[in-house]
Amino acid sequence: MRCGKMAAAPPPPPPARAAGSWGGVRRRCQRLLYWVPVLFISSILCWSYYAYVTQLCLLTMRNIGEKVVCLVAYHIFFMLFVWSYWKTIFTLPMNPSKEFHLSYSDKESLEREPRGESQQEVLRRAAKDLPIYTRTMSGAIRYCDRCHLVKPDRCHHCSVCDKCILKMDHHCPWVNNCVGFSNYKFFLLFLAYSLLYCLFIAATDLQYFIKFWTNGLPDTQAKFHIMFLFFAAAMFSVSLSSLFGYHCWLVSKNKSTLEVFRAPIFRHRTDKNGFSLGFSKNLRQVFGDEKKYWLLPVFSSLGDGCSFPTCLVNQDPEQASTPGGRNSTSKNESHLFPAKPLRDSQSHLLTDTLSWSETSAKAEKGKVGMSNPALTMENET
C-alpha cells in the first residue's frame, strides 16, 4: 500500500505550453486576416485586367488603332500601378538604429529608478549625444518602453507591427504594412498610379458604357464587364483623388498623418510646421534630388529617417528689445534650432543656407560666455 501511495501520479502541471501555443495560433490567424484587404485589391486588379484587355479591347473595340493605343497605354499604367503597390507592401519599415537603443546598464538604471525625474535623468543621459529635438506633451524625452529605445524625431510605435517605425505616417490595412520613411514615396506613387489607372479606364470605357445603355452594341457577355468596370473605376477614382490630394498636401507641408492630429512638440514650444522647409525642399525630402527617379518606385528619399532638419529658430528670451519692437543689432543673433544632427552630412536639404559651423560661429560671436540652448538637453520633465 505504501508503494502504491508513493507511486501515485502528481497533479498535472498548469497548461502553460498549451496557452502559449494557442496564443501563437491566434497571432498567425491574425496575420492571415491582415492579408484579406490585399487579396481583395489584388482580385479586383486581376478582374479589371481581364475585363479591360479581353472583354473591352479585344472583343468589343472594332478600330485597330484604338485597340493598339489603349492596350499599350493600359499596360504602362498597369505595370506602374502593380510595381508601386508591390514596393509599398513588401518594403520593410525602417526601425531606429542601435544608437537609439538603451544599453544594458541604462536599462538596469531605468528599472531601478522610480518613475519621475530620476528616470528622466537616465533618459537624458542616454539621449545627450542623439539628434533628438522633440518631446512628449509634458516635455519629457520620448521613450518606448516596449522597444526599450529613445524615440528619434517623427518616430512612433505601431501597435499592429509592434515596432517603432521611422517617420511613421500610418498603418495601412490595404497594403498590410506601415507607411513610413522607407516606403512613403512608394505609397504616394501607388496612390498616383492607381488614380491614373482608374481615370484611364473610366475615360476609355465611357463611350462603350453609353452605347450599351442606349443599345448601340449587341447584348453580349462583355456588357456586364464593361458596365461594372466603368462603375468600379469611377468609384475608386473619387476616393483615390481625395486621398491622393490629402497626401500631396502633407508632402507640401512636410507633415505626416500623425503630425496633423498631434503637432510635434519641440523643446520650447509646439510647432505644427516645425519640419517644413518650403515646398521645394519638402518635395525633395520625399522624392530626392534626382528628378529622373521621381516617377519610379525606387528609393530616393533624402536622409536616414532618424534625424530631420527643421525651420525653427530659437530666440534668446533674455534679449532686450528696442522701442520699435525689434531686437538691437548687438543682440539680434539667433540660434538655429535644432543643432546639427549626427547625419546632416548626408542631407542636401540645407545646401542653400549657411553651413552649421558658420551659423554656430556667428552665434558664439554674438553671445560670449553663454551656452547655446539648442546644444543642451532640457531639464524639465
Protein backbone atom coordinates (compact mmCIF):
# COMPACT_ATOMS: atom_id res chain seq x y z
CA MET A 1 0.00 0.00 0.00
CA ARG A 2 2.83 2.37 0.82
CA CYS A 3 4.40 1.63 -2.52
CA GLY A 4 1.06 2.32 -4.13
CA LYS A 5 0.80 5.67 -2.37
CA MET A 6 4.36 6.57 -3.29
CA ALA A 7 3.66 5.71 -6.91
CA ALA A 8 0.60 7.94 -7.10
CA ALA A 9 0.87 10.37 -10.03
CA PRO A 10 1.48 14.03 -9.12
CA PRO A 11 -1.11 16.60 -10.15
CA PRO A 12 -0.74 17.75 -13.78
CA PRO A 13 1.21 20.98 -14.32
CA PRO A 14 -0.68 24.08 -15.43
CA PRO A 15 -1.17 24.14 -19.21
CA ALA A 16 1.35 26.93 -19.85
CA ARG A 17 2.59 25.46 -23.09
CA ALA A 18 -0.95 24.95 -24.35
CA ALA A 19 -1.78 28.58 -23.61
CA GLY A 20 1.40 29.71 -25.33
CA SER A 21 0.72 27.57 -28.39
CA TRP A 22 -2.85 28.88 -28.55
CA GLY A 23 -1.52 32.43 -28.45
CA GLY A 24 0.83 31.60 -31.32
CA VAL A 25 -2.03 30.15 -33.37
CA ARG A 26 -4.13 33.23 -32.72
CA ARG A 27 -1.32 35.52 -33.85
CA ARG A 28 -0.89 33.50 -37.05
CA CYS A 29 -4.62 33.73 -37.74
CA GLN A 30 -4.49 37.50 -37.21
CA ARG A 31 -1.58 37.79 -39.64
CA LEU A 32 -3.56 35.86 -42.24
CA LEU A 33 -6.59 38.10 -41.72
CA TYR A 34 -4.40 41.16 -42.26
CA TRP A 35 -3.83 39.96 -45.84
CA VAL A 36 -7.56 39.94 -46.69
CA PRO A 37 -7.64 43.61 -47.88
CA VAL A 38 -4.54 42.99 -50.02
CA LEU A 39 -6.14 39.91 -51.57
CA PHE A 40 -9.31 41.93 -52.23
CA ILE A 41 -7.38 44.65 -54.08
CA SER A 42 -5.39 42.02 -55.99
CA SER A 43 -8.56 40.20 -57.07
CA ILE A 44 -10.15 43.46 -58.24
CA LEU A 45 -6.98 44.23 -60.19
CA CYS A 46 -6.91 40.80 -61.85
CA TRP A 47 -10.58 41.05 -62.82
CA SER A 48 -10.11 44.58 -64.21
CA TYR A 49 -7.23 43.31 -66.37
CA TYR A 50 -9.43 40.58 -67.84
CA ALA A 51 -12.41 42.91 -68.30
CA TYR A 52 -10.43 45.69 -69.98
CA VAL A 53 -7.98 43.71 -72.10
CA THR A 54 -10.16 40.79 -73.15
CA GLN A 55 -13.77 41.98 -73.00
CA LEU A 56 -13.31 45.65 -73.93
CA CYS A 57 -10.21 45.89 -76.11
CA LEU A 58 -10.08 42.52 -77.86
CA LEU A 59 -13.79 41.65 -78.17
CA THR A 60 -15.62 44.98 -78.23
CA MET A 61 -13.38 47.57 -79.88
CA ARG A 62 -13.51 47.44 -83.69
CA ASN A 63 -10.90 50.07 -84.58
CA ILE A 64 -7.43 48.51 -84.73
CA GLY A 65 -5.64 51.78 -83.97
CA GLU A 66 -7.79 52.39 -80.93
CA LYS A 67 -7.08 48.85 -79.72
CA VAL A 68 -3.32 49.29 -80.01
CA VAL A 69 -3.23 52.69 -78.31
CA CYS A 70 -5.49 51.59 -75.45
CA LEU A 71 -3.61 48.33 -74.88
CA VAL A 72 -0.18 50.00 -74.85
CA ALA A 73 -1.25 52.84 -72.54
CA TYR A 74 -3.19 50.46 -70.30
CA HIS A 75 -0.21 48.14 -69.78
CA ILE A 76 2.04 51.09 -68.92
CA PHE A 77 -0.37 52.26 -66.20
CA PHE A 78 -0.93 48.67 -65.08
CA MET A 79 2.81 47.98 -64.73
CA LEU A 80 3.49 51.18 -62.77
CA PHE A 81 0.46 50.53 -60.56
CA VAL A 82 1.50 46.95 -59.74
CA TRP A 83 5.16 47.90 -59.28
CA SER A 84 4.45 50.70 -56.80
CA TYR A 85 1.84 48.60 -54.96
CA TRP A 86 4.30 45.71 -54.64
CA LYS A 87 7.03 48.00 -53.31
CA THR A 88 4.66 49.56 -50.77
CA ILE A 89 3.62 46.16 -49.47
CA PHE A 90 6.96 44.39 -49.31
CA THR A 91 9.34 47.22 -48.35
CA LEU A 92 10.10 46.64 -44.69
CA PRO A 93 9.57 49.68 -42.46
CA MET A 94 12.80 51.09 -41.09
CA ASN A 95 13.35 50.87 -37.35
CA PRO A 96 15.62 53.06 -35.18
CA SER A 97 19.31 52.19 -35.37
CA LYS A 98 21.27 50.69 -32.48
CA GLU A 99 22.44 54.04 -31.16
CA PHE A 100 18.87 54.83 -30.04
CA HIS A 101 18.54 51.59 -28.06
CA LEU A 102 19.38 51.77 -24.38
CA SER A 103 22.49 49.97 -23.23
CA TYR A 104 22.21 47.17 -20.70
CA SER A 105 23.40 49.43 -17.88
CA ASP A 106 20.90 52.15 -18.82
CA LYS A 107 18.07 49.59 -18.86
CA GLU A 108 19.04 48.43 -15.37
CA SER A 109 19.24 52.02 -14.13
CA LEU A 110 15.84 52.79 -15.63
CA GLU A 111 14.29 49.75 -13.92
CA ARG A 112 15.85 50.61 -10.55
CA GLU A 113 14.85 54.23 -10.55
CA PRO A 114 11.31 55.19 -9.52
CA ARG A 115 9.17 56.83 -12.13
CA GLY A 116 9.60 60.56 -12.49
CA GLU A 117 12.58 62.89 -12.56
CA SER A 118 15.13 60.17 -11.80
CA GLN A 119 14.05 58.14 -14.83
CA GLN A 120 14.14 61.23 -17.00
CA GLU A 121 17.69 61.85 -15.83
CA VAL A 122 18.67 58.38 -17.06
CA LEU A 123 16.98 59.06 -20.41
CA ARG A 124 18.61 62.48 -20.73
CA ARG A 125 22.00 60.86 -20.19
CA ALA A 126 21.26 58.25 -22.84
CA ALA A 127 19.98 60.86 -25.32
CA LYS A 128 22.57 63.60 -24.81
CA ASP A 129 24.52 62.70 -27.98
CA LEU A 130 21.50 61.83 -30.13
CA PRO A 131 19.87 64.16 -32.70
CA ILE A 132 16.58 64.39 -30.78
CA TYR A 133 14.66 67.65 -30.52
CA THR A 134 11.03 66.68 -29.99
CA ARG A 135 9.46 65.93 -26.62
CA THR A 136 6.31 64.50 -25.13
CA MET A 137 3.39 66.73 -24.14
CA SER A 138 4.87 67.01 -20.64
CA GLY A 139 8.29 67.94 -22.02
CA ALA A 140 9.91 64.56 -21.30
CA ILE A 141 12.24 62.54 -23.51
CA ARG A 142 10.22 60.34 -25.87
CA TYR A 143 10.88 56.74 -24.83
CA CYS A 144 9.31 53.46 -25.97
CA ASP A 145 9.01 51.02 -23.10
CA ARG A 146 8.20 48.15 -25.47
CA CYS A 147 11.20 48.54 -27.77
CA HIS A 148 13.44 49.94 -24.97
CA LEU A 149 14.74 52.83 -27.02
CA VAL A 150 14.76 56.59 -27.14
CA LYS A 151 12.46 57.54 -29.99
CA PRO A 152 14.00 59.54 -32.84
CA ASP A 153 12.11 62.57 -34.06
CA ARG A 154 8.94 61.66 -36.02
CA CYS A 155 9.23 58.02 -34.91
CA HIS A 156 6.20 56.26 -33.41
CA HIS A 157 5.37 52.79 -32.14
CA CYS A 158 2.92 50.84 -34.30
CA SER A 159 0.57 48.69 -32.25
CA VAL A 160 -0.10 46.38 -35.22
CA CYS A 161 3.54 45.78 -36.16
CA ASP A 162 4.62 46.08 -32.50
CA LYS A 163 7.69 48.06 -33.59
CA CYS A 164 8.89 51.63 -33.64
CA ILE A 165 8.68 52.96 -37.22
CA LEU A 166 10.83 55.82 -38.50
CA LYS A 167 8.77 58.80 -39.71
CA MET A 168 5.60 56.79 -39.31
CA ASP A 169 2.62 58.13 -41.25
CA HIS A 170 0.02 55.43 -40.54
CA HIS A 171 -0.55 51.69 -40.69
CA CYS A 172 -2.42 50.97 -43.92
CA PRO A 173 -4.59 47.81 -43.99
CA TRP A 174 -4.80 47.96 -47.80
CA VAL A 175 -1.07 47.24 -48.05
CA ASN A 176 -0.76 45.33 -44.75
CA ASN A 177 2.24 47.45 -43.87
CA CYS A 178 3.28 50.55 -42.01
CA VAL A 179 3.72 53.60 -44.22
CA GLY A 180 6.84 55.38 -43.06
CA PHE A 181 10.22 56.69 -44.11
CA SER A 182 11.25 53.63 -46.12
CA ASN A 183 8.12 53.34 -48.29
CA TYR A 184 6.28 56.67 -48.13
CA LYS A 185 7.41 57.57 -51.66
CA PHE A 186 6.17 54.18 -52.89
CA PHE A 187 2.83 54.78 -51.17
CA LEU A 188 2.43 58.15 -52.89
CA LEU A 189 3.25 56.64 -56.28
CA PHE A 190 0.82 53.81 -55.57
CA LEU A 191 -1.95 56.35 -54.98
CA ALA A 192 -0.95 58.36 -58.06
CA TYR A 193 -0.74 55.42 -60.45
CA SER A 194 -3.87 53.75 -59.11
CA LEU A 195 -5.73 57.03 -59.66
CA LEU A 196 -4.36 57.36 -63.20
CA TYR A 197 -5.21 53.71 -63.82
CA CYS A 198 -8.84 54.22 -62.78
CA LEU A 199 -9.20 57.52 -64.66
CA PHE A 200 -7.80 55.98 -67.83
CA ILE A 201 -10.18 53.03 -67.63
CA ALA A 202 -13.17 55.27 -66.95
CA ALA A 203 -12.29 57.64 -69.82
CA THR A 204 -11.75 54.95 -72.45
CA ASP A 205 -14.67 52.83 -71.26
CA LEU A 206 -17.21 55.68 -71.14
CA GLN A 207 -18.30 55.61 -74.78
CA TYR A 208 -18.91 51.84 -74.70
CA PHE A 209 -20.71 52.18 -71.37
CA ILE A 210 -23.07 54.68 -73.02
CA LYS A 211 -23.52 52.51 -76.11
CA PHE A 212 -24.58 49.53 -74.03
CA TRP A 213 -27.15 51.67 -72.19
CA THR A 214 -28.53 53.02 -75.48
CA ASN A 215 -28.47 49.60 -77.18
CA GLY A 216 -25.77 50.74 -79.56
CA LEU A 217 -23.94 47.44 -79.14
CA PRO A 218 -25.24 43.86 -79.07
CA ASP A 219 -26.14 42.37 -75.71
CA THR A 220 -23.18 40.04 -75.12
CA GLN A 221 -21.19 38.73 -72.17
CA ALA A 222 -18.99 41.82 -72.37
CA LYS A 223 -21.90 44.05 -71.35
CA PHE A 224 -21.66 43.16 -67.64
CA HIS A 225 -17.88 43.53 -67.53
CA ILE A 226 -17.83 46.86 -69.37
CA MET A 227 -20.63 48.37 -67.28
CA PHE A 228 -19.28 47.20 -63.95
CA LEU A 229 -15.74 48.19 -64.99
CA PHE A 230 -16.87 51.79 -65.50
CA PHE A 231 -18.73 51.89 -62.19
CA ALA A 232 -15.73 50.46 -60.29
CA ALA A 233 -13.23 52.78 -61.99
CA ALA A 234 -15.36 55.86 -61.36
CA MET A 235 -15.99 54.93 -57.72
CA PHE A 236 -12.31 54.27 -56.96
CA SER A 237 -11.32 57.47 -58.81
CA VAL A 238 -13.39 59.60 -56.43
CA SER A 239 -11.98 58.02 -53.26
CA LEU A 240 -8.40 57.90 -54.56
CA SER A 241 -8.43 61.53 -55.72
CA SER A 242 -9.33 62.78 -52.24
CA LEU A 243 -6.74 60.54 -50.57
CA PHE A 244 -4.02 61.43 -53.08
CA GLY A 245 -4.79 65.14 -52.76
CA TYR A 246 -4.55 64.91 -48.98
CA HIS A 247 -1.12 63.25 -49.11
CA CYS A 248 0.09 65.77 -51.70
CA TRP A 249 -0.81 68.48 -49.19
CA LEU A 250 1.09 66.56 -46.48
CA VAL A 251 4.19 66.42 -48.68
CA SER A 252 3.99 70.13 -49.46
CA LYS A 253 3.88 70.89 -45.72
CA ASN A 254 6.36 68.14 -44.74
CA LYS A 255 3.89 66.57 -42.33
CA SER A 256 2.77 63.05 -41.55
CA THR A 257 -0.79 61.98 -40.83
CA LEU A 258 0.08 61.53 -37.16
CA GLU A 259 1.61 65.03 -37.00
CA VAL A 260 -1.61 66.54 -38.37
CA PHE A 261 -3.57 65.11 -35.44
CA ARG A 262 -0.82 65.85 -32.90
CA ALA A 263 1.67 68.55 -33.79
CA PRO A 264 5.31 67.84 -32.89
CA ILE A 265 6.44 69.34 -29.60
CA PHE A 266 9.90 70.85 -29.64
CA ARG A 267 11.99 71.94 -26.73
CA HIS A 268 10.49 75.38 -26.38
CA ARG A 269 7.06 75.08 -27.98
CA THR A 270 4.68 73.14 -30.15
CA ASP A 271 5.01 73.89 -33.85
CA LYS A 272 2.82 72.20 -36.43
CA ASN A 273 5.11 73.41 -39.25
CA GLY A 274 8.39 72.78 -37.47
CA PHE A 275 9.71 70.37 -40.10
CA SER A 276 8.55 72.39 -43.12
CA LEU A 277 11.45 73.81 -45.15
CA GLY A 278 9.47 75.25 -48.05
CA PHE A 279 7.69 73.49 -50.89
CA SER A 280 10.76 72.65 -52.98
CA LYS A 281 12.82 71.23 -50.12
CA ASN A 282 9.82 69.39 -48.69
CA LEU A 283 9.28 67.73 -52.06
CA ARG A 284 12.95 66.79 -52.37
CA GLN A 285 12.98 65.30 -48.89
CA VAL A 286 10.49 62.65 -50.06
CA PHE A 287 11.45 62.22 -53.72
CA GLY A 288 15.16 63.04 -53.65
CA ASP A 289 17.43 65.34 -55.64
CA GLU A 290 17.49 63.38 -58.92
CA LYS A 291 14.27 64.06 -60.82
CA LYS A 292 14.77 61.06 -63.10
CA TYR A 293 13.80 58.81 -60.18
CA TRP A 294 10.77 60.79 -59.01
CA LEU A 295 8.20 58.85 -61.03
CA LEU A 296 9.76 55.43 -60.47
CA PRO A 297 9.14 53.26 -57.38
CA VAL A 298 12.81 53.21 -56.40
CA PHE A 299 14.03 54.59 -53.08
CA SER A 300 15.42 58.10 -53.47
CA SER A 301 14.32 59.94 -50.30
CA LEU A 302 16.89 62.12 -48.56
CA GLY A 303 18.27 61.40 -45.10
CA ASP A 304 18.26 58.32 -42.92
CA GLY A 305 14.87 58.65 -41.21
CA CYS A 306 16.38 59.26 -37.77
CA SER A 307 17.08 62.99 -37.95
CA PHE A 308 15.41 65.82 -39.84
CA PRO A 309 16.31 69.49 -40.32
CA THR A 310 13.78 71.99 -39.01
CA CYS A 311 12.85 75.58 -39.74
CA LEU A 312 12.68 76.62 -36.09
CA VAL A 313 14.77 79.50 -34.77
CA ASN A 314 15.28 79.72 -31.03
CA GLN A 315 15.32 83.32 -29.87
CA ASP A 316 17.03 84.13 -26.59
CA PRO A 317 14.26 85.26 -24.19
CA GLU A 318 16.74 87.44 -22.30
CA GLN A 319 17.47 89.59 -25.33
CA ALA A 320 16.36 93.18 -24.90
CA SER A 321 14.05 94.74 -27.47
CA THR A 322 14.23 98.20 -28.92
CA PRO A 323 11.27 100.60 -28.55
CA GLY A 324 10.33 99.77 -32.13
CA GLY A 325 9.79 96.16 -31.17
CA ARG A 326 12.96 94.84 -32.84
CA ASN A 327 15.99 93.44 -31.12
CA SER A 328 19.05 95.62 -31.05
CA THR A 329 21.72 94.93 -33.63
CA SER A 330 24.17 93.79 -30.98
CA LYS A 331 21.73 91.20 -29.70
CA ASN A 332 19.80 90.14 -32.77
CA GLU A 333 21.78 86.96 -33.34
CA SER A 334 19.57 83.88 -33.12
CA HIS A 335 20.36 80.22 -32.69
CA LEU A 336 19.37 77.92 -35.47
CA PHE A 337 17.19 75.22 -33.92
CA PRO A 338 17.88 72.39 -33.70
CA ALA A 339 21.62 71.94 -33.52
CA LYS A 340 23.31 69.92 -36.22
CA PRO A 341 22.09 66.30 -36.21
CA LEU A 342 24.61 63.49 -36.42
CA ARG A 343 23.68 62.77 -40.03
CA ASP A 344 23.30 66.21 -41.61
CA SER A 345 26.34 65.49 -43.76
CA GLN A 346 24.12 63.02 -45.65
CA SER A 347 21.32 65.53 -46.26
CA HIS A 348 21.31 68.05 -49.13
CA LEU A 349 18.24 69.90 -47.90
CA LEU A 350 20.21 72.74 -46.33
CA THR A 351 22.66 73.42 -49.15
CA ASP A 352 21.07 76.77 -49.90
CA THR A 353 21.63 78.09 -46.38
CA LEU A 354 24.68 78.81 -44.31
CA SER A 355 26.57 75.83 -43.03
CA TRP A 356 26.00 74.71 -39.47
CA SER A 357 29.53 75.59 -38.48
CA GLU A 358 29.21 79.13 -39.85
CA THR A 359 25.90 79.61 -38.04
CA SER A 360 27.32 78.35 -34.78
CA ALA A 361 30.35 80.62 -35.13
CA LYS A 362 28.13 83.69 -35.64
CA ALA A 363 26.02 82.73 -32.66
CA GLU A 364 29.09 82.38 -30.47
CA LYS A 365 30.34 85.82 -31.51
CA GLY A 366 27.04 87.36 -30.53
CA LYS A 367 26.92 85.60 -27.17
CA VAL A 368 30.26 85.39 -25.48
CA GLY A 369 30.20 83.25 -22.36
CA MET A 370 26.65 81.97 -22.92
CA SER A 371 25.88 78.35 -23.79
CA ASN A 372 23.81 77.50 -26.82
CA PRO A 373 20.46 76.21 -25.52
CA ALA A 374 20.00 74.17 -28.68
CA LEU A 375 23.01 72.09 -27.76
CA THR A 376 21.87 71.16 -24.26
CA MET A 377 19.18 68.76 -23.13
CA GLU A 378 16.26 70.27 -21.31
CA ASN A 379 15.99 69.82 -17.55
CA GLU A 380 12.20 69.89 -17.39
CA THR A 381 10.13 66.72 -17.29
